[in-house]
């Protein structure tokens, strides 16, 4: 929800060509009035330009199309009212971790590495609980893009499939190394 709200605000600001901090403030107040499990706050100081914020939107659209998997076995199981992966797989701590990308357009690398970390934990029934290194994707995958200046999610998955990836925690830690 928080990421969706942030993305919506960024897109609205991009469309307007400038950041309207009054609108941000009213949206933040509205979100906080709902008394959810998190608190909305401004992400950027008022002096930050829209071009600076756009530089953080790092996922690039690939020109290569991904094959679609056809699954004709559609279950009649109803969709639940709510679903929390943290509760479904409590043995997988990576599911609840939130990456701090700071001033780096690394969402393409973070999304790939963290998604695969979660899938490995779920598939191993909690035997594999380490984070995979999104820094490796940023630094070593030359086909993936330009590191913090953006990259391609599809190419990151291809790199992971063909080369594998080391474990590694947040920047400037020795977790997983």
N, C-alpha and C. Protein backbone atom coordinates (compact mmCIF):
# COMPACT_ATOMS: atom_id res chain seq x y z
N UNK A 1 0.83 -1.19 0.00
CA UNK A 1 0.00 0.00 0.00
C UNK A 1 0.87 1.25 0.00
N UNK A 2 1.90 1.25 0.85
CA UNK A 2 2.79 2.40 0.96
C UNK A 2 3.48 2.67 -0.37
N UNK A 3 3.96 1.59 -1.05
CA UNK A 3 4.63 1.77 -2.33
C UNK A 3 3.65 2.26 -3.39
N UNK A 4 2.43 1.76 -3.34
CA UNK A 4 1.42 2.19 -4.30
C UNK A 4 1.10 3.66 -4.12
N UNK A 5 0.98 4.09 -2.87
CA UNK A 5 0.71 5.50 -2.59
C UNK A 5 1.87 6.36 -3.06
N UNK A 6 3.10 5.94 -2.76
CA UNK A 6 4.27 6.70 -3.18
C UNK A 6 4.33 6.80 -4.70
N UNK A 7 4.10 5.68 -5.40
CA UNK A 7 4.13 5.69 -6.85
C UNK A 7 3.05 6.61 -7.41
N UNK A 8 1.85 6.55 -6.83
CA UNK A 8 0.76 7.42 -7.28
C UNK A 8 1.13 8.89 -7.12
N UNK A 9 1.74 9.19 -5.99
CA UNK A 9 2.14 10.58 -5.75
C UNK A 9 3.22 11.02 -6.72
N UNK A 10 4.17 10.13 -7.00
CA UNK A 10 5.23 10.46 -7.94
C UNK A 10 4.68 10.68 -9.35
N UNK A 11 3.77 9.81 -9.76
CA UNK A 11 3.19 9.96 -11.09
C UNK A 11 2.37 11.23 -11.21
N UNK A 12 1.62 11.55 -10.17
CA UNK A 12 0.85 12.79 -10.18
C UNK A 12 1.77 14.00 -10.24
N UNK A 13 2.84 13.94 -9.48
CA UNK A 13 3.80 15.05 -9.49
C UNK A 13 4.50 15.16 -10.84
N UNK A 14 4.83 14.02 -11.43
CA UNK A 14 5.50 14.04 -12.73
C UNK A 14 4.58 14.65 -13.78
N UNK A 15 3.31 14.31 -13.71
CA UNK A 15 2.35 14.86 -14.66
C UNK A 15 2.23 16.37 -14.50
N UNK A 16 2.27 16.84 -13.29
CA UNK A 16 2.16 18.27 -13.04
C UNK A 16 3.45 19.00 -13.36
N UNK A 17 4.59 18.29 -13.41
CA UNK A 17 5.86 18.91 -13.73
C UNK A 17 6.57 19.51 -12.53
N UNK A 18 5.93 19.53 -11.41
CA UNK A 18 6.56 20.03 -10.19
C UNK A 18 5.92 19.32 -9.00
N UNK A 19 6.58 19.43 -7.87
CA UNK A 19 6.06 18.80 -6.66
C UNK A 19 5.15 19.77 -5.95
N UNK A 20 3.94 19.34 -5.70
CA UNK A 20 2.97 20.16 -4.98
C UNK A 20 2.92 19.65 -3.54
N UNK A 21 3.71 20.29 -2.66
CA UNK A 21 3.83 19.81 -1.29
C UNK A 21 2.53 19.99 -0.49
N UNK A 22 1.68 20.92 -0.91
CA UNK A 22 0.39 21.08 -0.23
C UNK A 22 -0.47 19.85 -0.49
N UNK A 23 -0.47 19.36 -1.73
CA UNK A 23 -1.23 18.15 -2.06
C UNK A 23 -0.67 16.94 -1.31
N UNK A 24 0.66 16.84 -1.27
CA UNK A 24 1.28 15.74 -0.52
C UNK A 24 0.82 15.77 0.93
N UNK A 25 0.82 16.94 1.53
CA UNK A 25 0.45 17.07 2.94
C UNK A 25 -0.99 16.61 3.16
N UNK A 26 -1.90 17.00 2.28
CA UNK A 26 -3.30 16.60 2.46
C UNK A 26 -3.48 15.09 2.27
N UNK A 27 -2.73 14.51 1.35
CA UNK A 27 -2.81 13.06 1.14
C UNK A 27 -2.25 12.34 2.36
N UNK A 28 -1.14 12.81 2.88
CA UNK A 28 -0.53 12.21 4.07
C UNK A 28 -1.49 12.28 5.25
N UNK A 29 -2.14 13.42 5.43
CA UNK A 29 -3.11 13.56 6.53
C UNK A 29 -4.27 12.60 6.35
N UNK A 30 -4.75 12.44 5.13
CA UNK A 30 -5.86 11.52 4.85
C UNK A 30 -5.46 10.08 5.17
N UNK A 31 -4.27 9.68 4.71
CA UNK A 31 -3.80 8.32 4.97
C UNK A 31 -3.66 8.08 6.46
N UNK A 32 -3.06 9.02 7.17
CA UNK A 32 -2.85 8.86 8.61
C UNK A 32 -4.16 8.87 9.40
N UNK A 33 -5.18 9.52 8.87
CA UNK A 33 -6.48 9.53 9.56
C UNK A 33 -7.14 8.15 9.56
N UNK A 34 -6.68 7.26 8.69
CA UNK A 34 -7.23 5.90 8.62
C UNK A 34 -6.71 5.00 9.73
N UNK A 35 -5.70 5.48 10.48
CA UNK A 35 -5.12 4.73 11.60
C UNK A 35 -4.75 3.30 11.22
N UNK A 36 -3.97 3.17 10.17
CA UNK A 36 -3.51 1.84 9.73
C UNK A 36 -2.30 1.42 10.56
N UNK A 37 -1.63 0.37 10.12
CA UNK A 37 -0.48 -0.16 10.86
C UNK A 37 0.81 0.61 10.57
N UNK A 38 0.76 1.60 9.69
CA UNK A 38 1.94 2.40 9.38
C UNK A 38 1.55 3.86 9.31
N UNK A 39 2.55 4.72 9.36
CA UNK A 39 2.33 6.16 9.36
C UNK A 39 2.98 6.76 8.12
N UNK A 40 2.22 7.53 7.38
CA UNK A 40 2.75 8.21 6.20
C UNK A 40 3.49 9.47 6.62
N UNK A 41 4.60 9.71 5.98
CA UNK A 41 5.40 10.92 6.18
C UNK A 41 5.95 11.34 4.83
N UNK A 42 6.35 12.59 4.71
CA UNK A 42 6.98 13.01 3.45
C UNK A 42 8.29 12.24 3.25
N UNK A 43 8.53 11.82 2.02
CA UNK A 43 9.77 11.11 1.71
C UNK A 43 10.90 12.05 1.32
N UNK A 44 10.56 13.23 0.85
CA UNK A 44 11.57 14.13 0.32
C UNK A 44 11.39 15.53 0.88
N UNK A 45 12.49 16.25 1.11
CA UNK A 45 12.38 17.65 1.53
C UNK A 45 11.74 18.49 0.42
N UNK A 46 11.22 19.63 0.78
CA UNK A 46 10.50 20.47 -0.19
C UNK A 46 11.41 21.01 -1.30
N UNK A 47 12.72 20.98 -1.13
CA UNK A 47 13.62 21.51 -2.15
C UNK A 47 13.96 20.49 -3.24
N UNK A 48 13.52 19.25 -3.08
CA UNK A 48 13.84 18.21 -4.06
C UNK A 48 13.04 18.44 -5.33
N UNK A 49 13.71 18.35 -6.47
CA UNK A 49 13.05 18.57 -7.76
C UNK A 49 12.42 17.27 -8.27
N UNK A 50 11.49 17.43 -9.18
CA UNK A 50 10.84 16.27 -9.76
C UNK A 50 11.84 15.43 -10.56
N UNK A 51 12.83 16.07 -11.20
CA UNK A 51 13.82 15.30 -11.95
C UNK A 51 14.66 14.43 -11.01
N UNK A 52 14.91 14.91 -9.80
CA UNK A 52 15.64 14.10 -8.81
C UNK A 52 14.82 12.88 -8.41
N UNK A 53 13.53 13.08 -8.24
CA UNK A 53 12.66 11.97 -7.86
C UNK A 53 12.54 10.98 -9.02
N UNK A 54 12.41 11.48 -10.24
CA UNK A 54 12.31 10.59 -11.40
C UNK A 54 13.55 9.72 -11.55
N UNK A 55 14.71 10.24 -11.13
CA UNK A 55 15.94 9.46 -11.26
C UNK A 55 15.92 8.22 -10.38
N UNK A 56 15.02 8.18 -9.41
CA UNK A 56 14.91 7.02 -8.53
C UNK A 56 14.01 5.93 -9.10
N UNK A 57 13.30 6.23 -10.16
CA UNK A 57 12.41 5.26 -10.80
C UNK A 57 13.24 4.43 -11.77
N UNK A 58 13.92 3.41 -11.26
CA UNK A 58 14.95 2.72 -12.01
C UNK A 58 14.53 1.60 -12.93
N UNK A 59 13.34 1.04 -12.78
CA UNK A 59 12.95 -0.09 -13.63
C UNK A 59 12.69 0.41 -15.04
N UNK A 60 13.36 -0.22 -15.98
CA UNK A 60 13.18 0.13 -17.40
C UNK A 60 12.39 -0.96 -18.09
N UNK A 61 11.63 -0.56 -19.08
CA UNK A 61 10.83 -1.53 -19.83
C UNK A 61 11.72 -2.23 -20.84
N UNK A 62 11.70 -3.54 -20.80
CA UNK A 62 12.50 -4.34 -21.71
C UNK A 62 11.84 -4.39 -23.07
N UNK A 63 12.66 -4.45 -24.11
CA UNK A 63 12.11 -4.58 -25.46
C UNK A 63 11.82 -6.04 -25.79
N UNK A 64 12.33 -6.96 -24.97
CA UNK A 64 12.09 -8.38 -25.18
C UNK A 64 10.82 -8.79 -24.45
N UNK A 65 10.01 -9.57 -25.13
CA UNK A 65 8.76 -10.02 -24.52
C UNK A 65 9.00 -11.33 -23.77
N UNK A 66 8.39 -11.43 -22.61
CA UNK A 66 8.47 -12.66 -21.83
C UNK A 66 7.41 -13.64 -22.30
N UNK A 67 7.75 -14.93 -22.35
CA UNK A 67 6.73 -15.91 -22.72
C UNK A 67 5.69 -16.01 -21.60
N UNK A 68 4.45 -16.13 -22.00
CA UNK A 68 3.38 -16.26 -21.03
C UNK A 68 3.11 -17.73 -20.77
N UNK A 69 3.01 -18.07 -19.51
CA UNK A 69 2.70 -19.44 -19.14
C UNK A 69 1.19 -19.60 -19.14
N UNK A 70 0.73 -20.58 -19.87
CA UNK A 70 -0.70 -20.85 -19.93
C UNK A 70 -1.06 -21.85 -18.83
N UNK A 71 -2.01 -21.50 -18.01
CA UNK A 71 -2.46 -22.39 -16.94
C UNK A 71 -3.97 -22.49 -17.04
N UNK A 72 -4.43 -23.60 -17.55
CA UNK A 72 -5.86 -23.78 -17.74
C UNK A 72 -6.53 -24.42 -16.53
N UNK A 73 -5.75 -24.78 -15.51
CA UNK A 73 -6.30 -25.41 -14.32
C UNK A 73 -6.65 -24.32 -13.30
N UNK A 74 -7.77 -23.68 -13.53
CA UNK A 74 -8.19 -22.59 -12.65
C UNK A 74 -9.02 -23.18 -11.52
N UNK A 75 -8.55 -22.94 -10.32
CA UNK A 75 -9.21 -23.49 -9.13
C UNK A 75 -10.47 -22.70 -8.82
N UNK A 76 -11.43 -23.39 -8.25
CA UNK A 76 -12.67 -22.73 -7.84
C UNK A 76 -12.56 -22.17 -6.43
N UNK A 77 -11.36 -22.22 -5.86
CA UNK A 77 -11.16 -21.69 -4.51
C UNK A 77 -11.39 -20.18 -4.52
N UNK A 78 -12.24 -19.70 -3.63
CA UNK A 78 -12.49 -18.25 -3.61
C UNK A 78 -11.25 -17.47 -3.14
N UNK A 79 -11.13 -16.27 -3.63
CA UNK A 79 -10.04 -15.39 -3.23
C UNK A 79 -10.33 -14.89 -1.82
N UNK A 80 -9.34 -14.98 -0.91
CA UNK A 80 -9.60 -14.53 0.47
C UNK A 80 -9.78 -13.02 0.55
N UNK A 81 -10.47 -12.58 1.58
CA UNK A 81 -10.66 -11.14 1.82
C UNK A 81 -9.33 -10.44 2.02
N UNK A 82 -8.42 -11.10 2.73
CA UNK A 82 -7.10 -10.52 2.97
C UNK A 82 -6.07 -11.64 3.00
N UNK A 83 -4.83 -11.26 2.74
CA UNK A 83 -3.74 -12.23 2.73
C UNK A 83 -2.47 -11.51 3.15
N UNK A 84 -1.76 -12.06 4.12
CA UNK A 84 -0.51 -11.49 4.60
C UNK A 84 0.55 -12.58 4.51
N UNK A 85 1.48 -12.41 3.57
CA UNK A 85 2.52 -13.42 3.36
C UNK A 85 3.37 -13.63 4.60
N UNK A 86 3.52 -12.60 5.42
CA UNK A 86 4.30 -12.73 6.66
C UNK A 86 3.65 -13.73 7.61
N UNK A 87 2.32 -13.77 7.60
CA UNK A 87 1.60 -14.73 8.45
C UNK A 87 1.56 -16.11 7.82
N UNK A 88 1.46 -16.15 6.51
CA UNK A 88 1.40 -17.43 5.79
C UNK A 88 2.73 -18.19 5.90
N UNK A 89 3.86 -17.46 5.85
CA UNK A 89 5.18 -18.08 5.91
C UNK A 89 6.03 -17.39 6.98
N UNK A 90 5.69 -17.55 8.26
CA UNK A 90 6.44 -16.88 9.33
C UNK A 90 7.88 -17.36 9.44
N UNK A 91 8.18 -18.52 8.88
CA UNK A 91 9.54 -19.05 8.91
C UNK A 91 10.46 -18.36 7.89
N UNK A 92 9.91 -17.43 7.12
CA UNK A 92 10.67 -16.74 6.08
C UNK A 92 10.82 -15.25 6.42
N UNK A 93 11.89 -14.90 7.13
CA UNK A 93 12.06 -13.52 7.58
C UNK A 93 12.26 -12.51 6.45
N UNK A 94 12.73 -12.97 5.30
CA UNK A 94 12.97 -12.02 4.21
C UNK A 94 11.68 -11.39 3.69
N UNK A 95 10.56 -12.08 3.88
CA UNK A 95 9.29 -11.55 3.37
C UNK A 95 8.95 -10.21 4.01
N UNK A 96 9.29 -10.04 5.27
CA UNK A 96 8.91 -8.80 5.96
C UNK A 96 9.98 -7.72 5.89
N UNK A 97 11.11 -8.00 5.27
CA UNK A 97 12.17 -7.00 5.19
C UNK A 97 11.85 -5.95 4.13
N UNK A 98 12.20 -4.71 4.45
CA UNK A 98 12.01 -3.60 3.52
C UNK A 98 13.39 -3.06 3.17
N UNK A 99 13.70 -3.00 1.90
CA UNK A 99 15.02 -2.54 1.45
C UNK A 99 15.08 -1.02 1.41
N UNK A 100 16.18 -0.48 1.88
CA UNK A 100 16.44 0.95 1.79
C UNK A 100 17.32 1.18 0.57
N UNK A 101 16.72 1.70 -0.49
CA UNK A 101 17.46 1.94 -1.72
C UNK A 101 18.12 3.32 -1.73
N UNK A 102 17.83 4.11 -0.72
CA UNK A 102 18.37 5.48 -0.61
C UNK A 102 18.25 6.21 -1.94
N UNK A 103 19.30 6.84 -2.40
CA UNK A 103 19.24 7.62 -3.64
C UNK A 103 19.73 6.79 -4.82
N UNK A 104 19.21 5.60 -4.96
CA UNK A 104 19.66 4.68 -6.00
C UNK A 104 18.44 4.11 -6.71
N UNK A 105 18.41 4.22 -8.02
CA UNK A 105 17.31 3.67 -8.81
C UNK A 105 17.48 2.17 -9.01
N UNK A 106 17.54 1.45 -7.90
CA UNK A 106 17.87 0.02 -7.92
C UNK A 106 16.67 -0.90 -7.76
N UNK A 107 15.47 -0.38 -7.92
CA UNK A 107 14.27 -1.19 -7.68
C UNK A 107 14.28 -2.46 -8.51
N UNK A 108 14.80 -2.41 -9.71
CA UNK A 108 14.85 -3.58 -10.59
C UNK A 108 15.70 -4.70 -9.97
N UNK A 109 16.81 -4.34 -9.34
CA UNK A 109 17.70 -5.33 -8.72
C UNK A 109 17.14 -5.80 -7.38
N UNK A 110 16.64 -4.86 -6.60
CA UNK A 110 16.08 -5.19 -5.29
C UNK A 110 14.87 -6.11 -5.46
N UNK A 111 13.99 -5.78 -6.39
CA UNK A 111 12.79 -6.60 -6.61
C UNK A 111 13.15 -8.02 -7.03
N UNK A 112 14.11 -8.15 -7.92
CA UNK A 112 14.50 -9.48 -8.39
C UNK A 112 15.12 -10.30 -7.26
N UNK A 113 16.10 -9.74 -6.57
CA UNK A 113 16.81 -10.49 -5.52
C UNK A 113 15.90 -10.81 -4.34
N UNK A 114 15.08 -9.86 -3.92
CA UNK A 114 14.23 -10.12 -2.76
C UNK A 114 13.09 -11.10 -3.10
N UNK A 115 12.55 -11.00 -4.29
CA UNK A 115 11.51 -11.94 -4.70
C UNK A 115 12.05 -13.36 -4.73
N UNK A 116 13.26 -13.53 -5.28
CA UNK A 116 13.82 -14.87 -5.34
C UNK A 116 14.22 -15.37 -3.95
N UNK A 117 14.69 -14.48 -3.08
CA UNK A 117 14.98 -14.87 -1.69
C UNK A 117 13.72 -15.43 -1.04
N UNK A 118 12.61 -14.73 -1.22
CA UNK A 118 11.35 -15.17 -0.64
C UNK A 118 10.90 -16.51 -1.22
N UNK A 119 11.01 -16.66 -2.54
CA UNK A 119 10.58 -17.90 -3.19
C UNK A 119 11.43 -19.08 -2.73
N UNK A 120 12.76 -18.86 -2.55
CA UNK A 120 13.63 -19.93 -2.07
C UNK A 120 13.24 -20.35 -0.66
N UNK A 121 12.93 -19.39 0.19
CA UNK A 121 12.54 -19.71 1.56
C UNK A 121 11.23 -20.49 1.57
N UNK A 122 10.27 -20.05 0.80
CA UNK A 122 8.97 -20.73 0.76
C UNK A 122 9.12 -22.15 0.21
N UNK A 123 9.86 -22.29 -0.89
CA UNK A 123 10.04 -23.61 -1.50
C UNK A 123 10.81 -24.57 -0.60
N UNK A 124 11.74 -24.03 0.21
CA UNK A 124 12.53 -24.89 1.11
C UNK A 124 11.86 -25.08 2.46
N UNK A 125 10.65 -24.55 2.60
CA UNK A 125 9.90 -24.62 3.87
C UNK A 125 10.71 -24.05 5.03
N UNK A 126 11.38 -22.92 4.75
CA UNK A 126 12.10 -22.20 5.79
C UNK A 126 13.53 -22.66 6.04
N UNK A 127 14.03 -23.58 5.23
CA UNK A 127 15.43 -24.02 5.42
C UNK A 127 16.41 -22.99 4.86
N UNK A 128 16.02 -22.27 3.83
CA UNK A 128 16.86 -21.20 3.27
C UNK A 128 16.23 -19.87 3.69
N UNK A 129 16.93 -19.12 4.51
CA UNK A 129 16.35 -17.87 5.03
C UNK A 129 17.24 -16.66 4.79
N UNK A 130 18.26 -16.80 3.96
CA UNK A 130 19.18 -15.68 3.72
C UNK A 130 18.65 -14.76 2.63
N UNK A 131 19.13 -13.54 2.63
CA UNK A 131 18.82 -12.59 1.55
C UNK A 131 19.81 -12.80 0.42
N UNK A 132 19.33 -12.69 -0.80
CA UNK A 132 20.22 -12.73 -1.95
C UNK A 132 20.69 -11.30 -2.24
N UNK A 133 21.86 -11.19 -2.82
CA UNK A 133 22.52 -9.90 -2.98
C UNK A 133 22.01 -9.11 -4.19
N UNK A 134 21.25 -8.06 -3.92
CA UNK A 134 20.87 -7.19 -5.03
C UNK A 134 22.05 -6.33 -5.44
N UNK A 135 23.04 -6.17 -4.57
CA UNK A 135 24.25 -5.43 -4.95
C UNK A 135 25.01 -6.16 -6.05
N UNK A 136 24.96 -7.50 -6.04
CA UNK A 136 25.62 -8.23 -7.12
C UNK A 136 24.97 -7.88 -8.46
N UNK A 137 23.65 -7.82 -8.48
CA UNK A 137 22.98 -7.46 -9.73
C UNK A 137 23.37 -6.05 -10.16
N UNK A 138 23.43 -5.12 -9.20
CA UNK A 138 23.80 -3.74 -9.52
C UNK A 138 25.21 -3.64 -10.08
N UNK A 139 26.12 -4.41 -9.51
CA UNK A 139 27.53 -4.26 -9.83
C UNK A 139 28.04 -5.21 -10.90
N UNK A 140 27.48 -6.39 -10.99
CA UNK A 140 28.07 -7.43 -11.84
C UNK A 140 27.28 -7.76 -13.10
N UNK A 141 26.02 -7.46 -13.12
CA UNK A 141 25.20 -7.81 -14.28
C UNK A 141 25.28 -6.70 -15.32
N UNK A 142 26.23 -6.81 -16.23
CA UNK A 142 26.42 -5.76 -17.23
C UNK A 142 25.27 -5.70 -18.24
N UNK A 143 24.56 -6.81 -18.42
CA UNK A 143 23.42 -6.81 -19.35
C UNK A 143 22.17 -6.22 -18.73
N UNK A 144 22.18 -6.04 -17.42
CA UNK A 144 20.97 -5.64 -16.70
C UNK A 144 20.66 -4.15 -16.80
N UNK A 145 21.65 -3.32 -17.00
CA UNK A 145 21.40 -1.89 -17.05
C UNK A 145 22.56 -1.08 -16.52
N UNK A 146 22.25 -0.01 -15.83
CA UNK A 146 23.25 0.95 -15.38
C UNK A 146 23.28 1.10 -13.86
N UNK A 147 23.20 0.00 -13.14
CA UNK A 147 23.30 0.06 -11.69
C UNK A 147 22.23 0.94 -11.08
N UNK A 148 22.65 1.96 -10.34
CA UNK A 148 21.72 2.86 -9.66
C UNK A 148 20.97 3.78 -10.62
N UNK A 149 21.38 3.81 -11.87
CA UNK A 149 20.69 4.65 -12.85
C UNK A 149 19.62 3.87 -13.61
N UNK A 150 19.28 2.69 -13.11
CA UNK A 150 18.18 1.94 -13.70
C UNK A 150 18.61 0.66 -14.37
N UNK A 151 17.66 -0.24 -14.53
CA UNK A 151 17.96 -1.51 -15.16
C UNK A 151 16.70 -2.26 -15.56
N UNK A 152 16.91 -3.45 -16.08
CA UNK A 152 15.84 -4.25 -16.65
C UNK A 152 15.58 -5.49 -15.79
N UNK A 153 14.37 -5.62 -15.32
CA UNK A 153 14.01 -6.74 -14.44
C UNK A 153 14.17 -8.07 -15.17
N UNK A 154 13.75 -8.14 -16.41
CA UNK A 154 13.85 -9.41 -17.15
C UNK A 154 15.30 -9.86 -17.25
N UNK A 155 16.20 -8.94 -17.57
CA UNK A 155 17.60 -9.31 -17.70
C UNK A 155 18.19 -9.72 -16.36
N UNK A 156 17.70 -9.12 -15.27
CA UNK A 156 18.17 -9.51 -13.93
C UNK A 156 17.76 -10.96 -13.64
N UNK A 157 16.55 -11.35 -14.02
CA UNK A 157 16.11 -12.73 -13.82
C UNK A 157 16.93 -13.68 -14.69
N UNK A 158 17.22 -13.28 -15.91
CA UNK A 158 18.04 -14.12 -16.80
C UNK A 158 19.43 -14.30 -16.21
N UNK A 159 20.01 -13.21 -15.70
CA UNK A 159 21.33 -13.28 -15.07
C UNK A 159 21.29 -14.26 -13.90
N UNK A 160 20.29 -14.13 -13.07
CA UNK A 160 20.15 -14.99 -11.90
C UNK A 160 20.06 -16.46 -12.32
N UNK A 161 19.31 -16.72 -13.37
CA UNK A 161 19.13 -18.09 -13.85
C UNK A 161 20.43 -18.68 -14.39
N UNK A 162 21.18 -17.89 -15.13
CA UNK A 162 22.38 -18.40 -15.79
C UNK A 162 23.64 -18.35 -14.93
N UNK A 163 23.73 -17.39 -14.03
CA UNK A 163 24.95 -17.19 -13.25
C UNK A 163 24.78 -17.48 -11.77
N UNK A 164 23.55 -17.52 -11.29
CA UNK A 164 23.33 -17.63 -9.85
C UNK A 164 23.60 -16.28 -9.19
N UNK A 165 23.52 -16.26 -7.87
CA UNK A 165 23.72 -15.00 -7.16
C UNK A 165 24.16 -15.34 -5.73
N UNK A 166 25.02 -14.52 -5.19
CA UNK A 166 25.50 -14.75 -3.83
C UNK A 166 24.50 -14.21 -2.82
N UNK A 167 24.66 -14.63 -1.57
CA UNK A 167 23.85 -14.06 -0.51
C UNK A 167 24.46 -12.74 -0.08
N UNK A 168 23.66 -11.90 0.51
CA UNK A 168 24.16 -10.62 0.98
C UNK A 168 23.06 -9.79 1.57
N UNK A 169 23.38 -9.10 2.65
CA UNK A 169 22.40 -8.28 3.33
C UNK A 169 22.43 -6.85 2.85
N UNK A 170 21.88 -5.94 3.65
CA UNK A 170 21.84 -4.53 3.28
C UNK A 170 23.23 -3.95 3.04
N UNK A 171 23.28 -2.87 2.30
CA UNK A 171 24.54 -2.20 1.98
C UNK A 171 25.33 -1.91 3.25
N UNK A 172 26.62 -2.09 3.15
CA UNK A 172 27.56 -1.77 4.23
C UNK A 172 27.41 -2.68 5.44
N UNK A 173 26.95 -3.92 5.20
CA UNK A 173 26.90 -4.92 6.27
C UNK A 173 27.66 -6.15 5.79
N UNK A 174 27.93 -7.06 6.68
CA UNK A 174 28.56 -8.32 6.27
C UNK A 174 27.58 -9.49 6.38
N UNK A 175 26.30 -9.18 6.38
CA UNK A 175 25.28 -10.22 6.46
C UNK A 175 25.30 -11.05 5.17
N UNK A 176 25.43 -12.34 5.32
CA UNK A 176 25.39 -13.23 4.17
C UNK A 176 26.72 -13.45 3.49
N UNK A 177 27.69 -12.63 3.79
CA UNK A 177 29.00 -12.76 3.12
C UNK A 177 29.87 -13.78 3.82
